[in-house]
C-alpha atoms as a PDB file:
ATOM      1  CA  MET A   1      -0.065   0.112  -0.072  1.00  0.00           C
ATOM      2  CA  LYS A   2       1.512   3.370  -0.949  1.00  0.00           C
ATOM      3  CA  ILE A   3       1.504   5.822   1.517  1.00  0.00           C
ATOM      4  CA  SER A   4       0.712   9.649   0.471  1.00  0.00           C
ATOM      5  CA  TRP A   5       1.428  12.651   2.219  1.00  0.00           C
ATOM      6  CA  PRO A   6       0.063  14.858   3.759  1.00  0.00           C
ATOM      7  CA  LEU A   7       0.064  12.405   7.217  1.00  0.00           C
ATOM      8  CA  PHE A   8      -1.509  15.065   9.619  1.00  0.00           C
ATOM      9  CA  PRO A   9      -4.085  17.456   9.036  1.00  0.00           C
ATOM     10  CA  SER A  10      -3.335  21.180   9.935  1.00  0.00           C
ATOM     11  CA  LEU A  11      -3.112  22.103  13.400  1.00  0.00           C
ATOM     12  CA  GLY A  12      -2.939  26.193  12.598  1.00  0.00           C
ATOM     13  CA  ASP A  13       0.025  27.655  14.551  1.00  0.00           C
ATOM     14  CA  LYS A  14      -0.616  26.876  18.012  1.00  0.00           C
ATOM     15  CA  MET A  15       2.095  27.750  20.264  1.00  0.00           C
ATOM     16  CA  ALA A  16       2.218  27.022  24.195  1.00  0.00           C
ATOM     17  CA  GLU A  17       4.265  27.667  26.909  1.00  0.00           C
ATOM     18  CA  ALA A  18       6.419  24.357  28.080  1.00  0.00           C
ATOM     19  CA  SER A  19       3.890  21.699  29.136  1.00  0.00           C
ATOM     20  CA  ASP A  20       3.941  18.295  29.780  1.00  0.00           C
ATOM     21  CA  MET A  21       4.610  15.975  26.600  1.00  0.00           C
ATOM     22  CA  ARG A  22       3.067  13.076  27.669  1.00  0.00           C
ATOM     23  CA  ASP A  23       0.167  14.777  29.227  1.00  0.00           C
ATOM     24  CA  ALA A  24      -0.525  17.075  26.096  1.00  0.00           C
ATOM     25  CA  PHE A  25      -0.867  14.024  23.765  1.00  0.00           C
ATOM     26  CA  PHE A  26      -3.400  11.922  26.184  1.00  0.00           C
ATOM     27  CA  LEU A  27      -5.326  15.113  26.630  1.00  0.00           C
ATOM     28  CA  GLU A  28      -5.659  15.689  22.639  1.00  0.00           C
ATOM     29  CA  LEU A  29      -6.566  11.990  22.089  1.00  0.00           C
ATOM     30  CA  LEU A  30      -9.353  12.541  24.965  1.00  0.00           C
ATOM     31  CA  ARG A  31     -10.425  15.707  23.180  1.00  0.00           C
ATOM     32  CA  VAL A  32     -10.392  13.374  19.492  1.00  0.00           C
ATOM     33  CA  ALA A  33     -11.875  10.387  21.231  1.00  0.00           C
ATOM     34  CA  ARG A  34     -14.696  12.772  22.221  1.00  0.00           C
ATOM     35  CA  GLU A  35     -15.685  13.292  18.413  1.00  0.00           C
ATOM     36  CA  ASP A  36     -14.580   9.429  17.456  1.00  0.00           C
ATOM     37  CA  GLU A  37     -16.015   6.530  19.190  1.00  0.00           C
ATOM     38  CA  ARG A  38     -13.798   3.985  17.584  1.00  0.00           C
ATOM     39  CA  ILE A  39     -10.829   5.439  19.516  1.00  0.00           C
ATOM     40  CA  VAL A  40     -10.082   2.909  22.227  1.00  0.00           C
ATOM     41  CA  LEU A  41      -6.659   2.969  25.101  1.00  0.00           C
ATOM     42  CA  LEU A  42      -5.167   0.198  26.304  1.00  0.00           C
ATOM     43  CA  THR A  43      -2.429   0.275  28.590  1.00  0.00           C
ATOM     44  CA  ALA A  44       0.058  -2.305  30.411  1.00  0.00           C
ATOM     45  CA  ASP A  45      -0.257  -1.048  33.862  1.00  0.00           C
ATOM     46  CA  HIS A  46       1.125   2.078  33.207  1.00  0.00           C
ATOM     47  CA  GLY A  47       0.004   5.358  34.214  1.00  0.00           C
ATOM     48  CA  ALA A  48      -0.324   9.033  33.403  1.00  0.00           C
ATOM     49  CA  GLN A  49      -2.703  12.115  35.177  1.00  0.00           C
ATOM     50  CA  ALA A  50      -4.308  12.242  31.396  1.00  0.00           C
ATOM     51  CA  LEU A  51      -4.872   8.295  31.636  1.00  0.00           C
ATOM     52  CA  VAL A  52      -6.741   8.874  34.673  1.00  0.00           C
ATOM     53  CA  ASP A  53      -8.594  11.460  33.176  1.00  0.00           C
ATOM     54  CA  PHE A  54      -9.273   9.388  29.947  1.00  0.00           C
ATOM     55  CA  GLU A  55     -10.867   6.306  31.867  1.00  0.00           C
ATOM     56  CA  SER A  56     -12.564   8.621  34.271  1.00  0.00           C
ATOM     57  CA  GLU A  57     -14.441  10.003  31.030  1.00  0.00           C
ATOM     58  CA  MET A  58     -14.726   6.843  29.027  1.00  0.00           C
ATOM     59  CA  PRO A  59     -14.182   3.684  31.517  1.00  0.00           C
ATOM     60  CA  SER A  60     -15.584   1.348  28.589  1.00  0.00           C
ATOM     61  CA  ARG A  61     -13.178   2.310  26.473  1.00  0.00           C
ATOM     62  CA  PHE A  62     -10.208   2.199  28.326  1.00  0.00           C
ATOM     63  CA  PHE A  63      -8.753  -1.393  29.225  1.00  0.00           C
ATOM     64  CA  ASN A  64      -5.644  -1.978  31.526  1.00  0.00           C
ATOM     65  CA  MET A  65      -3.992  -4.953  30.158  1.00  0.00           C
ATOM     66  CA  GLY A  66      -1.932  -5.563  33.047  1.00  0.00           C
ATOM     67  CA  ILE A  67       2.068  -6.297  32.565  1.00  0.00           C
ATOM     68  CA  ALA A  68       1.278  -8.036  29.358  1.00  0.00           C
ATOM     69  CA  GLU A  69       2.260  -6.538  26.474  1.00  0.00           C
ATOM     70  CA  GLN A  70       2.363  -8.927  23.721  1.00  0.00           C
ATOM     71  CA  ASN A  71      -1.126  -9.608  24.796  1.00  0.00           C
ATOM     72  CA  MET A  72      -1.692  -6.032  24.645  1.00  0.00           C
ATOM     73  CA  ILE A  73      -0.921  -5.889  21.125  1.00  0.00           C
ATOM     74  CA  SER A  74      -2.375  -9.190  20.471  1.00  0.00           C
ATOM     75  CA  VAL A  75      -5.847  -7.635  21.579  1.00  0.00           C
ATOM     76  CA  ALA A  76      -5.340  -4.347  20.095  1.00  0.00           C
ATOM     77  CA  ALA A  77      -5.008  -5.810  16.477  1.00  0.00           C
ATOM     78  CA  GLY A  78      -8.183  -7.956  17.065  1.00  0.00           C
ATOM     79  CA  LEU A  79      -9.767  -4.507  18.132  1.00  0.00           C
ATOM     80  CA  ALA A  80      -8.712  -2.787  14.971  1.00  0.00           C
ATOM     81  CA  SER A  81      -9.449  -6.145  12.470  1.00  0.00           C
ATOM     82  CA  GLN A  82     -13.002  -5.185  14.184  1.00  0.00           C
ATOM     83  CA  GLY A  83     -13.001  -1.289  13.249  1.00  0.00           C
ATOM     84  CA  LYS A  84     -11.696   0.122  16.136  1.00  0.00           C
ATOM     85  CA  LEU A  85      -8.807   2.700  16.037  1.00  0.00           C
ATOM     86  CA  PRO A  86      -6.785   1.206  19.402  1.00  0.00           C
ATOM     87  CA  VAL A  87      -3.598   3.020  20.878  1.00  0.00           C
ATOM     88  CA  ALA A  88      -1.760   1.022  22.895  1.00  0.00           C
ATOM     89  CA  TYR A  89       0.608   2.358  25.684  1.00  0.00           C
ATOM     90  CA  GLY A  90       3.636   1.442  27.376  1.00  0.00           C
ATOM     91  CA  ILE A  91       7.653   1.927  27.871  1.00  0.00           C
ATOM     92  CA  ALA A  92       9.448   1.735  24.964  1.00  0.00           C
ATOM     93  CA  PRO A  93      11.842  -1.326  25.219  1.00  0.00           C
ATOM     94  CA  PHE A  94       8.550  -3.401  26.178  1.00  0.00           C
ATOM     95  CA  VAL A  95       6.060  -2.049  23.448  1.00  0.00           C
ATOM     96  CA  SER A  96       8.998  -2.610  20.770  1.00  0.00           C
ATOM     97  CA  LEU A  97      11.444  -5.050  21.586  1.00  0.00           C
ATOM     98  CA  ARG A  98       9.274  -7.536  24.069  1.00  0.00           C
ATOM     99  CA  VAL A  99       6.244  -7.139  21.619  1.00  0.00           C
ATOM    100  CA  LEU A 100       8.240  -7.790  18.253  1.00  0.00           C
ATOM    101  CA  GLU A 101       6.966 -10.459  16.819  1.00  0.00           C
ATOM    102  CA  GLN A 102       3.164  -9.739  17.814  1.00  0.00           C
ATOM    103  CA  LEU A 103       3.905  -6.018  16.248  1.00  0.00           C
ATOM    104  CA  THR A 104       5.215  -8.076  13.219  1.00  0.00           C
ATOM    105  CA  LEU A 105       2.897 -10.720  12.289  1.00  0.00           C
ATOM    106  CA  ASP A 106      -0.718  -9.400  14.415  1.00  0.00           C
ATOM    107  CA  VAL A 107      -0.343  -5.558  13.340  1.00  0.00           C
ATOM    108  CA  ALA A 108       2.493  -4.586  10.548  1.00  0.00           C
ATOM    109  CA  ALA A 109       1.790  -7.424   8.045  1.00  0.00           C
ATOM    110  CA  MET A 110      -2.181  -7.062   8.748  1.00  0.00           C
ATOM    111  CA  LYS A 111      -1.632  -3.374   8.105  1.00  0.00           C
ATOM    112  CA  LEU A 112      -4.191  -2.327  10.841  1.00  0.00           C
ATOM    113  CA  PRO A 113      -4.401   1.108  12.019  1.00  0.00           C
ATOM    114  CA  VAL A 114      -2.854   0.369  15.687  1.00  0.00           C
ATOM    115  CA  THR A 115      -1.124   3.017  17.414  1.00  0.00           C
ATOM    116  CA  ILE A 116       1.798   2.599  19.702  1.00  0.00           C
ATOM    117  CA  ALA A 117       2.265   5.109  22.101  1.00  0.00           C
ATOM    118  CA  SER A 118       5.487   4.433  23.762  1.00  0.00           C
ATOM    119  CA  ILE A 119       6.872   6.549  26.745  1.00  0.00           C
ATOM    120  CA  GLY A 120      10.802   6.715  27.373  1.00  0.00           C
ATOM    121  CA  SER A 121      12.348   7.705  24.255  1.00  0.00           C
ATOM    122  CA  GLY A 122      16.707   7.281  24.393  1.00  0.00           C
ATOM    123  CA  PHE A 123      17.958   7.875  28.324  1.00  0.00           C
ATOM    124  CA  THR A 124      14.141   8.964  29.520  1.00  0.00           C
ATOM    125  CA  TYR A 125      14.432   6.328  32.347  1.00  0.00           C
ATOM    126  CA  SER A 126      18.283   6.848  32.863  1.00  0.00           C
ATOM    127  CA  THR A 127      17.580   5.775  36.461  1.00  0.00           C
ATOM    128  CA  ASP A 128      16.197   2.446  35.676  1.00  0.00           C
ATOM    129  CA  GLY A 129      18.962   1.390  33.704  1.00  0.00           C
ATOM    130  CA  LEU A 130      19.638  -1.120  30.579  1.00  0.00           C
ATOM    131  CA  THR A 131      16.235  -2.659  30.899  1.00  0.00           C
ATOM    132  CA  HIS A 132      14.632   0.821  30.592  1.00  0.00           C
ATOM    133  CA  HIS A 133      16.655   2.366  28.061  1.00  0.00           C
ATOM    134  CA  GLY A 134      14.759   3.332  24.995  1.00  0.00           C
ATOM    135  CA  LEU A 135      17.711   2.969  22.529  1.00  0.00           C
ATOM    136  CA  GLN A 136      16.611  -0.325  20.109  1.00  0.00           C
ATOM    137  CA  ASP A 137      12.910   0.824  19.732  1.00  0.00           C
ATOM    138  CA  VAL A 138      13.521   2.792  16.209  1.00  0.00           C
ATOM    139  CA  ALA A 139      15.265   0.208  14.956  1.00  0.00           C
ATOM    140  CA  ALA A 140      13.141  -2.458  15.365  1.00  0.00           C
ATOM    141  CA  MET A 141      10.496  -0.648  14.301  1.00  0.00           C
ATOM    142  CA  LEU A 142      12.643   0.652  11.060  1.00  0.00           C
ATOM    143  CA  SER A 143      12.590  -3.143  10.136  1.00  0.00           C
ATOM    144  CA  MET A 144       8.525  -3.323   9.594  1.00  0.00           C
ATOM    145  CA  PRO A 145       7.337  -2.575   6.286  1.00  0.00           C
ATOM    146  CA  GLN A 146       4.530  -0.201   6.526  1.00  0.00           C
ATOM    147  CA  MET A 147       5.027   0.942   9.797  1.00  0.00           C
ATOM    148  CA  THR A 148       5.186   4.764  10.482  1.00  0.00           C
ATOM    149  CA  ILE A 149       7.214   5.951  13.069  1.00  0.00           C
ATOM    150  CA  LEU A 150       6.629   9.649  14.713  1.00  0.00           C
ATOM    151  CA  ASN A 151       8.962  10.491  17.270  1.00  0.00           C
ATOM    152  CA  SER A 152       8.084  13.751  19.048  1.00  0.00           C
ATOM    153  CA  SER A 153      10.175  17.234  20.433  1.00  0.00           C
ATOM    154  CA  ASP A 154       7.412  19.163  21.723  1.00  0.00           C
ATOM    155  CA  PRO A 155       3.953  19.196  22.893  1.00  0.00           C
ATOM    156  CA  ALA A 156       2.817  20.654  19.555  1.00  0.00           C
ATOM    157  CA  SER A 157       4.222  17.454  17.740  1.00  0.00           C
ATOM    158  CA  THR A 158       2.253  15.012  20.563  1.00  0.00           C
ATOM    159  CA  GLU A 159      -0.766  16.853  20.067  1.00  0.00           C
ATOM    160  CA  ALA A 160      -0.333  16.502  16.039  1.00  0.00           C
ATOM    161  CA  PHE A 161       0.326  12.674  16.803  1.00  0.00           C
ATOM    162  CA  ALA A 162      -3.011  12.244  18.505  1.00  0.00           C
ATOM    163  CA  ARG A 163      -5.353  14.361  16.357  1.00  0.00           C
ATOM    164  CA  GLN A 164      -4.023  12.266  13.255  1.00  0.00           C
ATOM    165  CA  ILE A 165      -5.483   8.967  15.016  1.00  0.00           C
ATOM    166  CA  SER A 166      -8.623   9.245  13.379  1.00  0.00           C
ATOM    167  CA  THR A 167      -7.528   9.690   9.360  1.00  0.00           C
ATOM    168  CA  SER A 168      -4.785   6.980  10.605  1.00  0.00           C
ATOM    169  CA  LEU A 169      -4.809   4.162   7.846  1.00  0.00           C
ATOM    170  CA  LEU A 170      -1.530   2.109   8.820  1.00  0.00           C
ATOM    171  CA  PRO A 171       0.376   1.108  12.411  1.00  0.00           C
ATOM    172  CA  ARG A 172       2.143   3.887  13.376  1.00  0.00           C
ATOM    173  CA  TYR A 173       4.715   3.697  16.727  1.00  0.00           C
ATOM    174  CA  VAL A 174       4.769   7.435  18.368  1.00  0.00           C
ATOM    175  CA  ARG A 175       7.615   7.862  20.678  1.00  0.00           C
ATOM    176  CA  LEU A 176       6.551  10.197  23.728  1.00  0.00           C
ATOM    177  CA  GLU A 177       8.614  12.081  26.264  1.00  0.00           C
ATOM    178  CA  LYS A 178       7.395  12.843  29.935  1.00  0.00           C
ATOM    179  CA  GLY A 179       8.526  16.277  31.356  1.00  0.00           C
ATOM    180  CA  PRO A 180       7.258  19.904  30.166  1.00  0.00           C
ATOM    181  CA  ARG A 181       9.288  21.289  27.014  1.00  0.00           C
ATOM    182  CA  PRO A 182       8.388  24.362  25.245  1.00  0.00           C
ATOM    183  CA  ASN A 183       7.061  24.217  21.758  1.00  0.00           C
ATOM    184  CA  HIS A 184      10.105  24.492  19.131  1.00  0.00           C
ATOM    185  CA  ILE A 185       9.192  27.869  16.430  1.00  0.00           C
ATOM    186  CA  ARG A 186       9.108  26.429  13.222  1.00  0.00           C
ATOM    187  CA  THR A 187       9.517  28.629   9.941  1.00  0.00           C
ATOM    188  CA  GLN A 188       6.987  26.365   8.061  1.00  0.00           C
ATOM    189  CA  LYS A 189       3.390  26.292   8.522  1.00  0.00           C
ATOM    190  CA  ASN A 190       3.147  22.884   6.806  1.00  0.00           C
ATOM    191  CA  TRP A 191       5.598  21.392   9.601  1.00  0.00           C
ATOM    192  CA  GLN A 192       2.822  18.848  10.198  1.00  0.00           C
ATOM    193  CA  SER A 193       2.218  17.420   6.804  1.00  0.00           C
ATOM    194  CA  GLN A 194       5.960  17.524   5.744  1.00  0.00           C
ATOM    195  CA  GLY A 195       7.380  15.494   8.730  1.00  0.00           C
ATOM    196  CA  TRP A 196       9.927  17.849   9.110  1.00  0.00           C
ATOM    197  CA  GLY A 197      10.139  21.769  10.325  1.00  0.00           C
ATOM    198  CA  THR A 198      13.187  24.266  10.533  1.00  0.00           C
ATOM    199  CA  ILE A 199      13.466  25.121  14.190  1.00  0.00           C
ATOM    200  CA  ARG A 200      16.255  27.937  13.652  1.00  0.00           C
ATOM    201  CA  GLU A 201      17.044  29.640  10.626  1.00  0.00           C
ATOM    202  CA  GLY A 202      20.914  29.472  10.314  1.00  0.00           C
ATOM    203  CA  ASN A 203      24.091  31.774   8.736  1.00  0.00           C
ATOM    204  CA  SER A 204      26.081  29.848   7.470  1.00  0.00           C
ATOM    205  CA  PRO A 205      25.720  26.693   4.974  1.00  0.00           C
ATOM    206  CA  ASN A 206      26.086  24.331   7.762  1.00  0.00           C
ATOM    207  CA  LEU A 207      23.011  22.011   8.497  1.00  0.00           C
ATOM    208  CA  VAL A 208      22.031  20.194  11.589  1.00  0.00           C
ATOM    209  CA  ILE A 209      19.369  17.458  11.529  1.00  0.00           C
ATOM    210  CA  THR A 210      17.952  16.032  14.919  1.00  0.00           C
ATOM    211  CA  THR A 211      15.018  14.481  16.107  1.00  0.00           C
ATOM    212  CA  GLY A 212      13.271  14.003  19.638  1.00  0.00           C
ATOM    213  CA  VAL A 213      13.652  15.940  22.624  1.00  0.00           C
ATOM    214  CA  ILE A 214      17.397  16.204  22.127  1.00  0.00           C
ATOM    215  CA  SER A 215      16.586  18.894  19.670  1.00  0.00           C
ATOM    216  CA  HIS A 216      16.289  21.349  22.529  1.00  0.00           C
ATOM    217  CA  SER A 217      19.922  20.546  23.531  1.00  0.00           C
ATOM    218  CA  VAL A 218      20.839  21.066  19.661  1.00  0.00           C
ATOM    219  CA  MET A 219      19.120  24.407  19.883  1.00  0.00           C
ATOM    220  CA  LYS A 220      20.899  25.836  23.042  1.00  0.00           C
ATOM    221  CA  ALA A 221      24.549  24.696  21.661  1.00  0.00           C
ATOM    222  CA  SER A 222      23.320  26.161  18.409  1.00  0.00           C
ATOM    223  CA  ASP A 223      22.811  29.854  20.344  1.00  0.00           C
ATOM    224  CA  GLU A 224      26.292  29.128  22.365  1.00  0.00           C
ATOM    225  CA  VAL A 225      27.955  28.734  18.980  1.00  0.00           C
ATOM    226  CA  MET A 226      26.598  31.725  17.609  1.00  0.00           C
ATOM    227  CA  LYS A 227      27.727  33.736  20.789  1.00  0.00           C
ATOM    228  CA  ARG A 228      31.086  32.350  20.139  1.00  0.00           C
ATOM    229  CA  LYS A 229      31.775  32.693  16.809  1.00  0.00           C
ATOM    230  CA  GLY A 230      28.538  34.621  15.012  1.00  0.00           C
ATOM    231  CA  ILE A 231      28.342  31.737  13.030  1.00  0.00           C
ATOM    232  CA  GLN A 232      24.794  29.614  13.255  1.00  0.00           C
ATOM    233  CA  PRO A 233      24.378  26.332  11.544  1.00  0.00           C
ATOM    234  CA  THR A 234      20.312  25.983  10.172  1.00  0.00           C
ATOM    235  CA  VAL A 235      18.333  23.432  12.263  1.00  0.00           C
ATOM    236  CA  ILE A 236      15.769  20.975  11.412  1.00  0.00           C
ATOM    237  CA  ASP A 237      13.594  18.733  13.478  1.00  0.00           C
ATOM    238  CA  VAL A 238      12.537  15.383  12.047  1.00  0.00           C
ATOM    239  CA  HIS A 239       9.097  14.322  13.247  1.00  0.00           C
ATOM    240  CA  CYS A 240       8.487  11.503  11.195  1.00  0.00           C
ATOM    241  CA  LEU A 241      11.294   8.779  10.782  1.00  0.00           C
ATOM    242  CA  ALA A 242       9.262   6.131   8.686  1.00  0.00           C
ATOM    243  CA  PRO A 243       8.417   7.413   6.005  1.00  0.00           C
ATOM    244  CA  LEU A 244      11.320   9.322   5.632  1.00  0.00           C
ATOM    245  CA  PRO A 245       9.824  12.560   4.456  1.00  0.00           C
ATOM    246  CA  ASP A 246      10.181  13.489   0.980  1.00  0.00           C
ATOM    247  CA  SER A 247       8.777  16.853   0.674  1.00  0.00           C
ATOM    248  CA  GLY A 248      12.225  19.252   0.384  1.00  0.00           C
ATOM    249  CA  LEU A 249      14.459  17.887   2.823  1.00  0.00           C
ATOM    250  CA  PHE A 250      17.043  16.430   0.574  1.00  0.00           C
ATOM    251  CA  GLU A 251      16.878  19.561  -1.284  1.00  0.00           C
ATOM    252  CA  ILE A 252      17.807  21.222   2.091  1.00  0.00           C
ATOM    253  CA  ILE A 253      20.705  18.821   2.128  1.00  0.00           C
ATOM    254  CA  ALA A 254      21.753  18.765  -1.340  1.00  0.00           C
ATOM    255  CA  ARG A 255      22.605  22.192  -0.660  1.00  0.00           C
ATOM    256  CA  SER A 256      24.279  22.327   2.253  1.00  0.00           C
ATOM    257  CA  SER A 257      28.331  22.089   2.848  1.00  0.00           C
ATOM    258  CA  SER A 258      27.915  20.016   5.564  1.00  0.00           C
ATOM    259  CA  VAL A 259      25.360  17.906   7.655  1.00  0.00           C
ATOM    260  CA  LEU A 260      25.601  16.947  11.118  1.00  0.00           C
ATOM    261  CA  VAL A 261      22.519  14.369  12.512  1.00  0.00           C
ATOM    262  CA  VAL A 262      21.716  14.264  16.098  1.00  0.00           C
ATOM    263  CA  GLU A 263      19.843  11.249  17.799  1.00  0.00           C
ATOM    264  CA  GLU A 264      19.406  10.363  21.200  1.00  0.00           C
ATOM    265  CA  GLN A 265      19.384   6.683  19.935  1.00  0.00           C
ATOM    266  CA  TYR A 266      21.241   4.033  18.489  1.00  0.00           C
ATOM    267  CA  PRO A 267      21.792   4.995  15.003  1.00  0.00           C
ATOM    268  CA  ALA A 268      18.742   5.526  13.135  1.00  0.00           C
ATOM    269  CA  LEU A 269      17.419   8.449  11.212  1.00  0.00           C
ATOM    270  CA  GLY A 270      21.051   9.270  10.558  1.00  0.00           C
ATOM    271  CA  GLN A 271      21.314   5.882   8.649  1.00  0.00           C
ATOM    272  CA  SER A 272      17.979   6.399   7.224  1.00  0.00           C
ATOM    273  CA  ILE A 273      19.390   9.888   5.481  1.00  0.00           C
ATOM    274  CA  SER A 274      22.875   8.240   4.353  1.00  0.00           C
ATOM    275  CA  PHE A 275      21.338   5.619   2.873  1.00  0.00           C
ATOM    276  CA  GLU A 276      18.592   7.605   0.890  1.00  0.00           C
ATOM    277  CA  ALA A 277      21.443  10.827   0.122  1.00  0.00           C
ATOM    278  CA  SER A 278      23.426   8.001  -1.180  1.00  0.00           C
ATOM    279  CA  ASN A 279      20.454   6.666  -3.226  1.00  0.00           C
ATOM    280  CA  ARG A 280      19.658  10.244  -4.616  1.00  0.00           C
ATOM    281  CA  LYS A 281      23.947  10.543  -5.121  1.00  0.00           C
ATOM    282  CA  ILE A 282      23.968  13.497  -2.971  1.00  0.00           C
ATOM    283  CA  GLY A 283      27.497  13.870  -2.231  1.00  0.00           C
ATOM    284  CA  VAL A 284      27.828  16.460   0.840  1.00  0.00           C
ATOM    285  CA  PRO A 285      29.843  15.407   4.017  1.00  0.00           C
ATOM    286  CA  LEU A 286      27.577  13.640   6.567  1.00  0.00           C
ATOM    287  CA  SER A 287      28.744  13.509  10.220  1.00  0.00           C
ATOM    288  CA  PHE A 288      27.020  11.610  13.292  1.00  0.00           C
ATOM    289  CA  MET A 289      26.083  11.808  17.006  1.00  0.00           C
ATOM    290  CA  ASN A 290      23.962   9.188  18.354  1.00  0.00           C
ATOM    291  CA  ALA A 291      24.211   6.425  21.256  1.00  0.00           C
ATOM    292  CA  PRO A 292      27.187   4.375  20.908  1.00  0.00           C
ATOM    293  CA  PHE A 293      26.217   1.088  19.853  1.00  0.00           C
ATOM    294  CA  GLU A 294      26.778  -0.698  23.122  1.00  0.00           C
ATOM    295  CA  TYR A 295      24.835  -1.241  26.157  1.00  0.00           C
ATOM    296  CA  PHE A 296      25.113   0.888  29.092  1.00  0.00           C
ATOM    297  CA  TYR A 297      25.165  -0.683  32.518  1.00  0.00           C
ATOM    298  CA  GLU A 298      25.074   1.640  34.901  1.00  0.00           C
ATOM    299  CA  GLY A 299      22.305   4.266  35.915  1.00  0.00           C
ATOM    300  CA  GLY A 300      22.435   7.515  36.856  1.00  0.00           C
ATOM    301  CA  ASP A 301      20.444  11.039  36.095  1.00  0.00           C
ATOM    302  CA  ARG A 302      20.108  11.611  32.369  1.00  0.00           C
ATOM    303  CA  GLU A 303      22.749  14.382  31.932  1.00  0.00           C
ATOM    304  CA  THR A 304      25.053  11.739  33.347  1.00  0.00           C
ATOM    305  CA  MET A 305      24.068   8.991  30.780  1.00  0.00           C
ATOM    306  CA  LEU A 306      23.724  12.102  27.908  1.00  0.00           C
ATOM    307  CA  ALA A 307      27.677  12.553  28.882  1.00  0.00           C
ATOM    308  CA  ARG A 308      28.377   9.134  29.023  1.00  0.00           C
ATOM    309  CA  ALA A 309      27.085   8.620  25.690  1.00  0.00           C
ATOM    310  CA  GLY A 310      28.701  11.565  23.687  1.00  0.00           C
ATOM    311  CA  LEU A 311      25.410  13.327  23.674  1.00  0.00           C
ATOM    312  CA  SER A 312      25.838  16.414  26.283  1.00  0.00           C
ATOM    313  CA  GLU A 313      25.424  19.704  25.408  1.00  0.00           C
ATOM    314  CA  VAL A 314      28.609  20.380  25.915  1.00  0.00           C
ATOM    315  CA  ASP A 315      29.519  17.326  23.332  1.00  0.00           C
ATOM    316  CA  ILE A 316      27.224  19.147  20.911  1.00  0.00           C
ATOM    317  CA  VAL A 317      28.661  22.563  21.124  1.00  0.00           C
ATOM    318  CA  ASN A 318      32.204  21.456  20.379  1.00  0.00           C
ATOM    319  CA  ARG A 319      30.730  19.199  17.500  1.00  0.00           C
ATOM    320  CA  LEU A 320      29.362  22.329  15.891  1.00  0.00           C
ATOM    321  CA  LEU A 321      32.564  24.414  16.798  1.00  0.00           C
ATOM    322  CA  MET A 322      34.414  21.927  14.796  1.00  0.00           C
ATOM    323  CA  MET A 323      31.857  21.937  12.163  1.00  0.00           C
ATOM    324  CA  VAL A 324      31.701  25.645  11.611  1.00  0.00           C
ATOM    325  CA  ASP A 325      35.365  26.178  11.884  1.00  0.00           C
ATOM    326  CA  GLU A 326      35.698  23.891   9.067  1.00  0.00           C
ATOM    327  CA  VAL A 327      33.351  25.813   6.540  1.00  0.00           C
ATOM    328  CA  GLY A 328      33.062  29.203   8.083  1.00  0.00           C
ATOM    329  CA  LEU A 329      30.954  31.730   6.502  1.00  0.00           C
ATOM    330  CA  GLN A 330      31.590  30.271   2.954  1.00  0.00           C
ATOM    331  CA  GLY A 331      28.657  30.495   0.959  1.00  0.00           C
ATOM    332  CA  LEU A 332      27.103  33.782   2.681  1.00  0.00           C
END
């Protein structure tokens, strides 16, 4: 089945103060569910305040499946086969790796409109150790034909993902983040539909492509480089990791002098961009910042784990300084 753009309906140019990203998704889901009786919510015994609101208002459409993620996915597939639009919620490794067979055979192969809402991308649950790190989930989802992969970077993007559920035709894997984040100010009015948006217009031919909440660290690093050097790369946030956006992204890449891809996970977006750039015979130098391909046995707060992975804000600043020093103001 061919996937066509746009993936999202227009949400206008709504900008809000910093709010909890997970609650933004479920509160928007509740609003959409009031208008669409097909939407049902399943959870693998994971909670959030916004889920309490959903259960309180719509108890007949809320199912706590217990700590049984594999069963939850199969039940969601069964509901979808009967015309429902299920949203299955759980922690990233448990609703991607633990349920890989059920997702592959019951959902993706059947092309059913099940939305997997995963919480805990990257090092969100840093103190819970290896079992809770969300570093492999995108790589697993990329192995499934027909699976749309959406990665939130701010409350506006999570709301967009929830609003799109009523028109979803294929399985989707949505990465959520907990905690408050401000909304990015995106240059493009149609960023929801094209799968990416420019969140910083730079003054150099350097380009940084990022995804997820680490985009906020990239923005701070970019501003720091501007203070030190008077040079700033353009920063693009890609929220649709599959299918990779085809609406203008690679034209910008082709016009750049160098491209850095930054992501808080094992290389996924970087590999996809590299593969597609090669197919299009784009010869721009590409470099990557991502979680190193290893297991992280130790625990610690998120900043500690990001530093351990070479993804701290200081690490990003240093990489951007190297990037702008190599190119400078060439092309201005």
